[in-house]
Protein backbone atom coordinates (compact mmCIF):
# COMPACT_ATOMS: atom_id res chain seq x y z
CA UNK A 1 -7.44 5.00 8.17
CA UNK A 2 -9.27 1.39 8.33
CA UNK A 3 -8.78 -1.29 10.36
CA UNK A 4 -10.92 -4.59 10.70
CA UNK A 5 -11.02 -8.40 11.71
CA UNK A 6 -10.94 -10.59 8.53
CA UNK A 7 -12.41 -14.18 9.34
CA UNK A 8 -9.04 -15.83 8.17
CA UNK A 9 -7.28 -18.19 10.79
CA UNK A 10 -3.92 -16.60 11.62
CA UNK A 11 -5.02 -12.97 10.88
CA UNK A 12 -5.18 -10.93 13.57
CA UNK A 13 -6.28 -7.62 11.75
CA UNK A 14 -5.92 -5.69 8.78
CA UNK A 15 -4.87 -2.37 8.39
CA UNK A 16 -5.02 0.18 5.68
CA UNK A 17 -3.41 3.75 6.47
CA UNK A 18 -2.86 6.86 4.33
CA UNK A 19 0.54 9.04 6.65
CA UNK A 20 2.06 11.91 5.71
CA UNK A 21 3.65 13.79 8.89
CA UNK A 22 2.91 11.01 11.49
CA UNK A 23 6.08 9.58 13.31
CA UNK A 24 5.86 6.28 15.19
CA UNK A 25 8.13 5.75 18.49
CA UNK A 26 10.25 2.74 18.71
CA UNK A 27 7.52 0.03 19.40
CA UNK A 28 7.23 -3.60 19.04
CA UNK A 29 4.23 -5.85 18.32
CA UNK A 30 2.87 -9.48 19.40
CA UNK A 31 2.52 -10.49 16.11
CA UNK A 32 3.82 -10.87 12.43
CA UNK A 33 3.63 -7.45 10.57
CA UNK A 34 3.25 -7.61 6.86
CA UNK A 35 3.33 -4.78 5.00
CA UNK A 36 2.68 -3.42 1.24
CA UNK A 37 3.25 0.35 0.52
CA UNK A 38 1.48 1.61 -2.45
CA UNK A 39 2.88 5.12 -2.52
CA UNK A 40 5.73 6.86 -1.14
CA UNK A 41 8.32 5.40 1.39
CA UNK A 42 8.53 4.34 4.52
CA UNK A 43 11.95 5.10 6.89
CA UNK A 44 12.47 2.96 9.78
CA UNK A 45 14.69 1.20 12.16
CA UNK A 46 14.93 -2.30 12.85
CA UNK A 47 17.82 -4.22 14.56
CA UNK A 48 19.98 -1.22 14.94
CA UNK A 49 20.02 -0.53 11.17
CA UNK A 50 18.12 2.24 9.02
CA UNK A 51 15.54 0.51 6.56
CA UNK A 52 13.16 1.64 3.83
CA UNK A 53 10.01 -0.02 2.72
CA UNK A 54 8.58 1.06 -0.54
CA UNK A 55 6.27 -0.52 -3.59
CA UNK A 56 9.33 -2.37 -4.91
CA UNK A 57 9.55 -4.99 -1.58
CA UNK A 58 7.28 -6.55 0.71
CA UNK A 59 8.04 -6.05 4.17
CA UNK A 60 7.91 -8.30 7.30
CA UNK A 61 8.32 -7.37 10.82
CA UNK A 62 8.63 -9.99 13.49
CA UNK A 63 7.02 -9.90 17.09
CA UNK A 64 8.78 -8.51 19.98
CA UNK A 65 11.77 -7.01 17.90
CA UNK A 66 11.30 -3.04 18.30
CA UNK A 67 11.09 -0.84 15.23
CA UNK A 68 9.78 2.79 14.43
CA UNK A 69 8.87 4.48 11.38
CA UNK A 70 8.20 7.80 9.35
CA UNK A 71 7.19 9.30 5.89
CA UNK A 72 11.26 8.96 4.23
CA UNK A 73 12.63 12.43 3.15
CA UNK A 74 10.95 13.53 0.27
CA UNK A 75 8.42 10.74 -0.14
CA UNK A 76 5.33 12.98 0.47
CA UNK A 77 3.83 10.27 2.85
CA UNK A 78 3.16 7.00 2.67
CA UNK A 79 0.29 4.84 1.99
CA UNK A 80 0.41 1.22 3.28
CA UNK A 81 -1.42 -1.48 4.03
CA UNK A 82 -0.59 -3.91 6.74
CA UNK A 83 -1.72 -7.79 7.70
CA UNK A 84 -0.93 -8.67 11.55
CA UNK A 85 -0.44 -12.45 11.72
CA UNK A 86 -0.45 -14.66 14.77
CA UNK A 87 3.02 -15.25 16.35
CA UNK A 88 2.69 -18.97 15.30
CA UNK A 89 2.20 -18.22 11.80
CA UNK A 90 6.04 -18.89 10.82
CA UNK A 91 8.90 -19.99 13.80
CA UNK A 92 9.74 -17.06 15.55
CA UNK A 93 13.38 -18.48 15.31
CA UNK A 94 13.36 -16.81 12.10
CA UNK A 95 13.08 -13.69 13.75
CA UNK A 96 16.85 -13.17 13.30
CA UNK A 97 16.65 -13.49 9.81
CA UNK A 98 13.93 -11.36 9.42
CA UNK A 99 15.54 -8.55 11.09
CA UNK A 100 18.47 -9.20 8.59
CA UNK A 101 16.44 -8.93 5.36
CA UNK A 102 13.03 -7.09 6.12
CA UNK A 103 12.39 -6.41 2.17
CA UNK A 104 11.37 -9.39 -0.25
CA UNK A 105 11.23 -7.99 -3.51
CA UNK A 106 10.55 -11.33 -4.30
CA UNK A 107 7.04 -11.77 -2.30
CA UNK A 108 6.12 -8.66 -3.93
CA UNK A 109 3.37 -10.53 -6.01
CA UNK A 110 2.49 -13.34 -3.32
CA UNK A 111 1.54 -10.44 -1.10
CA UNK A 112 -0.37 -8.11 -2.91
CA UNK A 113 -2.53 -11.42 -3.85
CA UNK A 114 -3.25 -11.93 -0.08
CA UNK A 115 -3.98 -8.28 0.43
CA UNK A 116 -6.41 -8.50 -2.50
CA UNK A 117 -7.98 -11.91 -1.01
CA UNK A 118 -8.53 -10.11 2.59
CA UNK A 119 -10.17 -7.13 1.06
CA UNK A 120 -13.13 -9.52 -0.79
CA UNK A 121 -15.65 -11.26 1.09
CA UNK A 122 -15.80 -14.71 0.53
CA UNK A 123 -12.41 -15.25 -0.54
CA UNK A 124 -11.25 -16.61 2.86
CA UNK A 125 -10.22 -19.54 1.78
CA UNK A 126 -7.73 -18.12 -1.02
CA UNK A 127 -6.56 -15.64 1.58
CA UNK A 128 -5.22 -18.75 3.97
CA UNK A 129 -3.64 -20.40 1.34
CA UNK A 130 -2.00 -17.48 0.27
CA UNK A 131 -0.80 -17.01 3.61
CA UNK A 132 0.68 -20.58 3.26
CA UNK A 133 2.28 -19.41 0.73
CA UNK A 134 4.11 -16.88 1.73
CA UNK A 135 5.24 -18.10 5.20
CA UNK A 136 6.45 -21.19 3.30
CA UNK A 137 8.61 -18.50 1.04
CA UNK A 138 9.86 -16.64 3.88
CA UNK A 139 10.50 -20.26 5.62
CA UNK A 140 12.86 -21.81 2.44
CA UNK A 141 13.94 -18.41 1.18
CA UNK A 142 12.58 -19.31 -2.28
CA UNK A 143 9.95 -21.35 -3.66
CA UNK A 144 12.29 -22.80 -6.42
CA UNK A 145 13.60 -25.48 -4.00
CA UNK A 146 10.40 -26.60 -2.36
CA UNK A 147 9.47 -30.18 -2.79
CA UNK A 148 7.13 -31.23 -5.13
CA UNK A 149 4.57 -33.22 -2.79
CA UNK A 150 2.98 -36.37 -3.99
CA UNK A 151 0.23 -37.46 -1.88
CA UNK A 152 -3.10 -38.98 -3.51
CA UNK A 153 -4.47 -40.43 -0.65
CA UNK A 154 -4.13 -37.40 1.58
CA UNK A 155 -5.67 -35.35 -1.10
CA UNK A 156 -8.13 -37.52 -1.94
CA UNK A 157 -9.63 -36.95 0.95
CA UNK A 158 -9.45 -33.21 1.47
CA UNK A 159 -11.22 -33.27 -2.04
CA UNK A 160 -14.00 -35.20 -0.05
CA UNK A 161 -13.92 -33.30 3.16
CA UNK A 162 -14.33 -29.93 0.60
CA UNK A 163 -16.85 -31.75 -1.08
CA UNK A 164 -18.99 -32.50 1.72
CA UNK A 165 -18.18 -28.84 3.10
CA UNK A 166 -19.43 -27.53 -0.31
CA UNK A 167 -21.61 -24.59 0.88
CA UNK A 168 -20.54 -24.02 4.49
CA UNK A 169 -16.47 -24.28 3.40
CA UNK A 170 -13.66 -25.44 5.68
CA UNK A 171 -10.70 -23.74 6.49
CA UNK A 172 -7.25 -25.20 6.20
CA UNK A 173 -6.58 -24.55 9.61
CA UNK A 174 -9.47 -26.91 9.97
CA UNK A 175 -8.93 -29.07 7.61
CA UNK A 176 -5.60 -29.82 8.83
CA UNK A 177 -6.96 -30.54 12.19
CA UNK A 178 -9.20 -32.86 10.57
CA UNK A 179 -7.12 -34.72 8.62
CA UNK A 180 -4.06 -34.62 10.22
CA UNK A 181 -1.75 -32.73 8.60
CA UNK A 182 -0.17 -29.48 8.42
CA UNK A 183 -2.40 -26.84 6.43
CA UNK A 184 0.98 -25.85 4.17
CA UNK A 185 1.42 -30.03 3.28
CA UNK A 186 -2.31 -29.81 2.65
CA UNK A 187 -2.39 -26.92 0.36
CA UNK A 188 0.62 -28.20 -1.83
CA UNK A 189 -0.40 -32.15 -1.68
CA UNK A 190 -3.82 -31.03 -3.20
CA UNK A 191 -2.45 -28.75 -6.13
CA UNK A 192 0.03 -31.16 -7.28
CA UNK A 193 -2.77 -33.87 -7.13
CA UNK A 194 -5.06 -32.01 -8.84
CA UNK A 195 -3.81 -28.79 -10.93
CA UNK A 196 -5.24 -26.12 -8.90
CA UNK A 197 -5.68 -25.02 -5.09
CA UNK A 198 -8.33 -25.86 -2.60
CA UNK A 199 -10.32 -22.39 -2.78
CA UNK A 200 -10.51 -22.77 -6.46
CA UNK A 201 -11.62 -26.11 -6.74
CA UNK A 202 -14.33 -25.00 -3.99
CA UNK A 203 -15.33 -21.78 -6.13
CA UNK A 204 -15.59 -23.82 -9.27
CA UNK A 205 -17.47 -26.67 -7.81
CA UNK A 206 -20.05 -23.76 -6.22
CA UNK A 207 -20.39 -22.62 -9.42
CA UNK A 208 -21.77 -25.92 -10.97
CA UNK A 209 -23.62 -26.18 -7.70
CA UNK A 210 -25.23 -22.24 -8.52
CA UNK A 211 -25.71 -23.31 -12.21
CA UNK A 212 -27.68 -26.43 -11.33
CA UNK A 213 -29.99 -24.21 -9.08
CA UNK A 214 -30.30 -21.68 -12.20
CA UNK A 215 -31.66 -24.07 -14.42
CA UNK A 216 -34.30 -25.00 -12.32
CA UNK A 217 -35.61 -21.75 -11.90
CA UNK A 218 -33.86 -20.57 -8.37
CA UNK A 219 -33.46 -17.01 -8.51
CA UNK A 220 -29.41 -15.49 -8.83
CA UNK A 221 -29.50 -14.42 -5.16
CA UNK A 222 -30.81 -17.55 -3.09
CA UNK A 223 -29.02 -19.91 -5.37
CA UNK A 224 -25.66 -17.54 -4.42
CA UNK A 225 -26.53 -18.33 -0.86
CA UNK A 226 -27.74 -22.07 -1.81
CA UNK A 227 -24.61 -22.69 -3.14
CA UNK A 228 -22.07 -21.01 -0.51
CA UNK A 229 -20.99 -17.44 -2.12
CA UNK A 230 -21.23 -14.68 0.09
CA UNK A 231 -24.02 -12.64 -2.04
CA UNK A 232 -24.58 -12.42 -5.56
CA UNK A 233 -22.21 -9.95 -6.51
CA UNK A 234 -19.48 -12.85 -5.48
CA UNK A 235 -21.33 -15.42 -7.37
CA UNK A 236 -21.53 -13.09 -10.59
CA UNK A 237 -17.88 -12.33 -10.50
CA UNK A 238 -17.13 -15.97 -10.65
CA UNK A 239 -19.51 -17.23 -12.30
CA UNK A 240 -18.88 -14.62 -15.20
CA UNK A 241 -15.17 -16.23 -14.92
CA UNK A 242 -16.08 -19.68 -15.11
CA UNK A 243 -18.42 -19.74 -17.87
CA UNK A 244 -18.63 -15.96 -19.09
CA UNK A 245 -21.61 -15.05 -18.64
CA UNK A 246 -23.90 -13.38 -15.59
CA UNK A 247 -26.14 -15.68 -13.35
CA UNK A 248 -28.89 -13.91 -14.42
CA UNK A 249 -28.07 -13.95 -18.52
CA UNK A 250 -27.14 -17.82 -17.84
CA UNK A 251 -30.77 -18.31 -15.93
CA UNK A 252 -32.25 -16.24 -18.82
CA UNK A 253 -30.80 -17.56 -22.30
CA UNK A 254 -29.46 -20.90 -20.88
CA UNK A 255 -26.03 -20.12 -21.48
CA UNK A 256 -23.76 -23.66 -22.07
């Protein structure tokens, strides 16, 4: 079992666990619980109905609603990942609808991306964007009916804010407070205007800064810190993705 508090607004806790014979008694959380089952299956009661959580779906459990949990028969146990989210993550008025349909195969991809981002140092903004995307899907039921948001002025204001906070970064929650807009509206507006989400824009701009530092003779570890990356491996991962070379090779050979 492993648990931690990531530096992502709205996330209270992340839990990874492998269970074989433990049975959770009926209990309730103060937070939303968004779960992936990677192996095996979980049998649980929610809203007086027997449910199954397995690797084919993401599962959302609402705050204040009792549920239990145990390894499903003949499953041999289960391995799960759970992120516990502020009760304000989505409206609690949706709790009834979630109780009726806690398992969502259509959200499996987004939830997996969220959990991957939560495990990567320096990917906090990406994780926050994934939370917004998952919340939108739960709220509207399907991403296909979301409005196309066009607000060029707001998108440019967010871009200017990202540029001014290139190294230290900014969360969507803080950007929303500074710009007077909801984080989900900010994210969709920016992506519509510039063709990529805020976290990817910030990352590529940091790569631009790092390459300038490297060409000026800054060692890769120092360039990573000065460009806003968590550490040198964090820089290397994104530098290779954007430019096709490691920072060390770029500094040594001057790769374009």
